C-alpha atoms as a PDB file:
ATOM      1  CA  MET A   1     -11.897 -30.319 -30.899  1.00  0.00           C
ATOM      2  CA  PHE A   2     -13.625 -27.343 -29.860  1.00  0.00           C
ATOM      3  CA  TYR A   3     -11.511 -23.510 -28.234  1.00  0.00           C
ATOM      4  CA  LEU A   4     -12.584 -20.633 -26.600  1.00  0.00           C
ATOM      5  CA  LYS A   5     -10.591 -17.437 -28.608  1.00  0.00           C
ATOM      6  CA  LEU A   6     -10.863 -14.060 -27.235  1.00  0.00           C
ATOM      7  CA  ALA A   7     -11.377 -11.194 -28.996  1.00  0.00           C
ATOM      8  CA  SER A   8     -10.074  -7.513 -28.298  1.00  0.00           C
ATOM      9  CA  THR A   9     -10.539  -4.160 -29.024  1.00  0.00           C
ATOM     10  CA  GLY A  10      -6.728  -4.326 -29.253  1.00  0.00           C
ATOM     11  CA  LYS A  11      -7.018  -1.317 -25.995  1.00  0.00           C
ATOM     12  CA  LYS A  12      -4.408  -2.100 -23.198  1.00  0.00           C
ATOM     13  CA  ILE A  13      -5.348  -0.590 -19.706  1.00  0.00           C
ATOM     14  CA  GLY A  14      -3.072  -0.906 -16.504  1.00  0.00           C
ATOM     15  CA  PHE A  15      -0.686   0.657 -14.506  1.00  0.00           C
ATOM     16  CA  SER A  16       1.654   0.639 -11.393  1.00  0.00           C
ATOM     17  CA  VAL A  17       2.586   3.101  -9.408  1.00  0.00           C
ATOM     18  CA  SER A  18       4.816   3.051  -6.276  1.00  0.00           C
ATOM     19  CA  MET A  19       6.142   6.028  -4.275  1.00  0.00           C
ATOM     20  CA  LYS A  20       9.273   7.203  -4.927  1.00  0.00           C
ATOM     21  CA  ARG A  21       9.819   9.041  -1.602  1.00  0.00           C
ATOM     22  CA  HIS A  22      11.714   7.377   2.035  1.00  0.00           C
ATOM     23  CA  SER A  23       8.127   7.924   3.875  1.00  0.00           C
ATOM     24  CA  PHE A  24       5.855  11.015   4.205  1.00  0.00           C
ATOM     25  CA  THR A  25       2.185  11.812   6.350  1.00  0.00           C
ATOM     26  CA  TYR A  26      -0.665  11.698   5.668  1.00  0.00           C
ATOM     27  CA  GLY A  27      -4.156  13.318   7.492  1.00  0.00           C
ATOM     28  CA  THR A  28      -7.264  11.757   8.132  1.00  0.00           C
ATOM     29  CA  ARG A  29      -9.132  11.604   4.448  1.00  0.00           C
ATOM     30  CA  GLN A  30      -5.767  12.267   2.095  1.00  0.00           C
ATOM     31  CA  THR A  31      -5.679  10.738  -1.706  1.00  0.00           C
ATOM     32  CA  VAL A  32      -2.538   8.974  -1.685  1.00  0.00           C
ATOM     33  CA  ILE A  33      -0.543  10.088  -4.173  1.00  0.00           C
ATOM     34  CA  TYR A  34       1.830   8.001  -5.785  1.00  0.00           C
ATOM     35  CA  ASP A  35       4.828   9.728  -7.467  1.00  0.00           C
ATOM     36  CA  ASN A  36       6.793   7.100  -9.525  1.00  0.00           C
ATOM     37  CA  ILE A  37       4.243   5.710 -12.576  1.00  0.00           C
ATOM     38  CA  LEU A  38       6.185   1.980 -13.777  1.00  0.00           C
ATOM     39  CA  THR A  39       3.754   1.455 -16.062  1.00  0.00           C
ATOM     40  CA  ASN A  40      -0.227   3.378 -17.472  1.00  0.00           C
ATOM     41  CA  ASP A  41      -1.607   1.951 -20.141  1.00  0.00           C
ATOM     42  CA  GLY A  42      -4.347   3.704 -21.091  1.00  0.00           C
ATOM     43  CA  ASN A  43      -3.050   6.717 -19.124  1.00  0.00           C
ATOM     44  CA  GLY A  44      -5.887   6.660 -16.464  1.00  0.00           C
ATOM     45  CA  TYR A  45      -3.392   6.416 -13.747  1.00  0.00           C
ATOM     46  CA  ASP A  46      -3.334  10.799 -12.584  1.00  0.00           C
ATOM     47  CA  ASP A  47      -0.058  11.046 -10.944  1.00  0.00           C
ATOM     48  CA  ARG A  48      -1.200  15.096  -9.335  1.00  0.00           C
ATOM     49  CA  THR A  49      -3.965  14.116  -8.496  1.00  0.00           C
ATOM     50  CA  GLY A  50      -3.500  10.370  -6.741  1.00  0.00           C
ATOM     51  CA  VAL A  51      -6.688   8.753  -9.364  1.00  0.00           C
ATOM     52  CA  PHE A  52      -6.982   6.653 -11.800  1.00  0.00           C
ATOM     53  CA  THR A  53     -10.004   7.479 -13.803  1.00  0.00           C
ATOM     54  CA  CYS A  54     -10.939   4.809 -16.500  1.00  0.00           C
ATOM     55  CA  PRO A  55     -11.568   5.296 -19.725  1.00  0.00           C
ATOM     56  CA  VAL A  56     -12.700   2.038 -20.702  1.00  0.00           C
ATOM     57  CA  ALA A  57     -15.438   0.203 -19.457  1.00  0.00           C
ATOM     58  CA  GLY A  58     -14.861  -3.452 -17.485  1.00  0.00           C
ATOM     59  CA  THR A  59     -14.207  -5.403 -14.705  1.00  0.00           C
ATOM     60  CA  TYR A  60     -11.198  -4.340 -13.238  1.00  0.00           C
ATOM     61  CA  MET A  61      -8.216  -5.428 -10.846  1.00  0.00           C
ATOM     62  CA  PHE A  62      -6.884  -2.994  -8.281  1.00  0.00           C
ATOM     63  CA  VAL A  63      -3.714  -3.498  -5.807  1.00  0.00           C
ATOM     64  CA  VAL A  64      -3.258  -1.704  -3.242  1.00  0.00           C
ATOM     65  CA  ASP A  65      -0.016  -2.026  -0.568  1.00  0.00           C
ATOM     66  CA  ALA A  66       1.932  -0.920   1.722  1.00  0.00           C
ATOM     67  CA  LEU A  67       5.147  -1.048   4.301  1.00  0.00           C
ATOM     68  CA  CYS A  68       4.150   1.115   6.991  1.00  0.00           C
ATOM     69  CA  LYS A  69       4.408   1.048  11.136  1.00  0.00           C
ATOM     70  CA  GLU A  70       1.827   2.478  13.835  1.00  0.00           C
ATOM     71  CA  ALA A  71      -1.286   1.803  13.466  1.00  0.00           C
ATOM     72  CA  THR A  72      -2.897   1.415  10.003  1.00  0.00           C
ATOM     73  CA  TYR A  73      -6.017   2.529   7.983  1.00  0.00           C
ATOM     74  CA  LEU A  74      -6.336   3.404   4.411  1.00  0.00           C
ATOM     75  CA  ALA A  75      -9.077   2.313   2.224  1.00  0.00           C
ATOM     76  CA  LEU A  76      -9.884   1.767  -1.788  1.00  0.00           C
ATOM     77  CA  ASP A  77     -12.444   4.003  -2.679  1.00  0.00           C
ATOM     78  CA  HIS A  78     -14.392   4.506  -5.911  1.00  0.00           C
ATOM     79  CA  ASN A  79     -16.162   7.479  -6.762  1.00  0.00           C
ATOM     80  CA  LYS A  80     -15.738   8.400  -3.222  1.00  0.00           C
ATOM     81  CA  THR A  81     -16.907   5.770  -1.349  1.00  0.00           C
ATOM     82  CA  PRO A  82     -15.096   3.715   0.672  1.00  0.00           C
ATOM     83  CA  ILE A  83     -15.067   0.072  -1.262  1.00  0.00           C
ATOM     84  CA  ALA A  84     -11.992  -1.819   0.812  1.00  0.00           C
ATOM     85  CA  PHE A  85     -10.265  -1.542   3.734  1.00  0.00           C
ATOM     86  CA  LEU A  86      -6.410  -2.074   4.694  1.00  0.00           C
ATOM     87  CA  HIS A  87      -5.924  -1.895   8.629  1.00  0.00           C
ATOM     88  CA  ARG A  88      -2.237  -3.005  10.219  1.00  0.00           C
ATOM     89  CA  ASP A  89      -2.747  -2.557  13.975  1.00  0.00           C
ATOM     90  CA  SER A  90      -0.644  -0.846  16.986  1.00  0.00           C
ATOM     91  CA  GLN A  91      -0.111  -4.331  19.124  1.00  0.00           C
ATOM     92  CA  TYR A  92       2.265  -4.639  17.123  1.00  0.00           C
ATOM     93  CA  SER A  93       5.598  -3.898  18.990  1.00  0.00           C
ATOM     94  CA  LYS A  94       7.286  -6.154  17.791  1.00  0.00           C
ATOM     95  CA  ASN A  95       7.311  -5.748  13.993  1.00  0.00           C
ATOM     96  CA  PRO A  96       7.834  -2.078  13.725  1.00  0.00           C
ATOM     97  CA  LEU A  97       7.280  -2.281  10.076  1.00  0.00           C
ATOM     98  CA  VAL A  98       4.956  -4.631   8.526  1.00  0.00           C
ATOM     99  CA  GLN A  99       3.814  -4.801   4.887  1.00  0.00           C
ATOM    100  CA  ILE A 100      -0.155  -4.666   4.138  1.00  0.00           C
ATOM    101  CA  SER A 101      -2.114  -5.471   1.310  1.00  0.00           C
ATOM    102  CA  ARG A 102      -5.353  -5.986  -0.514  1.00  0.00           C
ATOM    103  CA  THR A 103      -6.821  -6.697  -3.977  1.00  0.00           C
ATOM    104  CA  VAL A 104     -10.073  -5.522  -4.926  1.00  0.00           C
ATOM    105  CA  LEU A 105     -12.786  -6.353  -8.083  1.00  0.00           C
ATOM    106  CA  LEU A 106     -14.315  -3.509  -8.756  1.00  0.00           C
ATOM    107  CA  LYS A 107     -16.808  -3.547 -12.286  1.00  0.00           C
ATOM    108  CA  LEU A 108     -16.463  -0.262 -13.720  1.00  0.00           C
ATOM    109  CA  THR A 109     -17.975   2.588 -16.277  1.00  0.00           C
ATOM    110  CA  LYS A 110     -15.802   4.970 -18.342  1.00  0.00           C
ATOM    111  CA  GLY A 111     -14.687   7.934 -15.929  1.00  0.00           C
ATOM    112  CA  ASP A 112     -15.625   6.338 -12.279  1.00  0.00           C
ATOM    113  CA  HIS A 113     -12.802   6.844 -10.255  1.00  0.00           C
ATOM    114  CA  VAL A 114     -10.153   4.763  -8.074  1.00  0.00           C
ATOM    115  CA  LYS A 115      -8.122   6.438  -5.614  1.00  0.00           C
ATOM    116  CA  VAL A 116      -6.393   5.028  -2.249  1.00  0.00           C
ATOM    117  CA  SER A 117      -7.619   7.277   0.885  1.00  0.00           C
ATOM    118  CA  VAL A 118      -6.379   7.442   4.104  1.00  0.00           C
ATOM    119  CA  GLY A 119      -8.652   6.338   7.099  1.00  0.00           C
ATOM    120  CA  LYS A 120      -6.486   8.307   9.651  1.00  0.00           C
ATOM    121  CA  HIS A 121      -3.698   9.488  10.182  1.00  0.00           C
ATOM    122  CA  VAL A 122      -0.329   7.401   8.674  1.00  0.00           C
ATOM    123  CA  PHE A 123       2.838   7.004   8.929  1.00  0.00           C
ATOM    124  CA  MET A 124       4.227   4.935   5.363  1.00  0.00           C
ATOM    125  CA  ASN A 125       7.485   3.927   3.763  1.00  0.00           C
ATOM    126  CA  GLY A 126       8.122   5.051  -0.473  1.00  0.00           C
ATOM    127  CA  TYR A 127      11.371   3.529  -1.381  1.00  0.00           C
ATOM    128  CA  ASP A 128       9.163   1.734  -4.001  1.00  0.00           C
ATOM    129  CA  TYR A 129       7.933  -0.947  -1.088  1.00  0.00           C
ATOM    130  CA  SER A 130       4.531   0.692  -0.973  1.00  0.00           C
ATOM    131  CA  GLY A 131       2.360   0.346  -3.975  1.00  0.00           C
ATOM    132  CA  PHE A 132      -1.157   0.776  -6.487  1.00  0.00           C
ATOM    133  CA  THR A 133      -1.867  -0.853  -9.411  1.00  0.00           C
ATOM    134  CA  GLY A 134      -5.016  -1.306 -11.619  1.00  0.00           C
ATOM    135  CA  TYR A 135      -5.694  -3.629 -14.589  1.00  0.00           C
ATOM    136  CA  GLN A 136      -8.992  -4.532 -16.164  1.00  0.00           C
ATOM    137  CA  ASN A 137      -8.991  -8.485 -15.715  1.00  0.00           C
ATOM    138  CA  VAL A 138      -9.424  -9.783 -19.779  1.00  0.00           C
ATOM    139  CA  PHE A 139     -10.795 -12.919 -18.440  1.00  0.00           C
ATOM    140  CA  PHE A 140     -14.241 -10.749 -16.801  1.00  0.00           C
ATOM    141  CA  SER A 141     -14.457  -7.963 -19.212  1.00  0.00           C
ATOM    142  CA  THR A 142     -17.580  -7.562 -21.636  1.00  0.00           C
ATOM    143  CA  GLN A 143     -15.229  -6.616 -24.011  1.00  0.00           C
ATOM    144  CA  TYR A 144     -12.873  -9.193 -24.742  1.00  0.00           C
ATOM    145  CA  LEU A 145     -16.062 -11.562 -26.044  1.00  0.00           C
ATOM    146  CA  PRO A 146     -14.962 -15.133 -26.718  1.00  0.00           C
ATOM    147  CA  THR A 147     -16.019 -16.946 -29.783  1.00  0.00           C
ATOM    148  CA  CYS A 148     -16.177 -20.872 -30.343  1.00  0.00           C
ATOM    149  CA  ILE A 149     -13.510 -22.732 -33.040  1.00  0.00           C
ATOM    150  CA  ASN A 150     -13.122 -25.879 -33.832  1.00  0.00           C
ATOM    151  CA  SER A 151      -9.528 -27.233 -34.472  1.00  0.00           C
ATOM    152  CA  GLU A 152     -10.989 -29.838 -36.680  1.00  0.00           C
END
């Protein structure tokens, strides 16, 4: 019987951040800054700028979620280019607060930047209801080389 083994360089890259503050308003194209660091393995996320800087090339998974009211437009930016969007329409009059989210896989090179930015004026709730997470996906990474092992 053969098994697939993943060989690793041993460096873990991943972060998960949220907002501590109750609520806040951002203007168009501002970077959303998450001030509560839950984890920051590899120190890629900068809580002063809100930007993740890729320390090791590979495929990364990013998740953005926000508890918002009114019309909300958020973007996930890769090197200042919006590549994924989150939208909450103003038509939700029955539910003043709505949780929105988006998940994206990105192939990054060392030094690439990823951040959440505001598409238009937005109001978001904090208290850890809104967050940003990213990690190197070991199953798609070039850092993890498959090796076949014969168990017999």
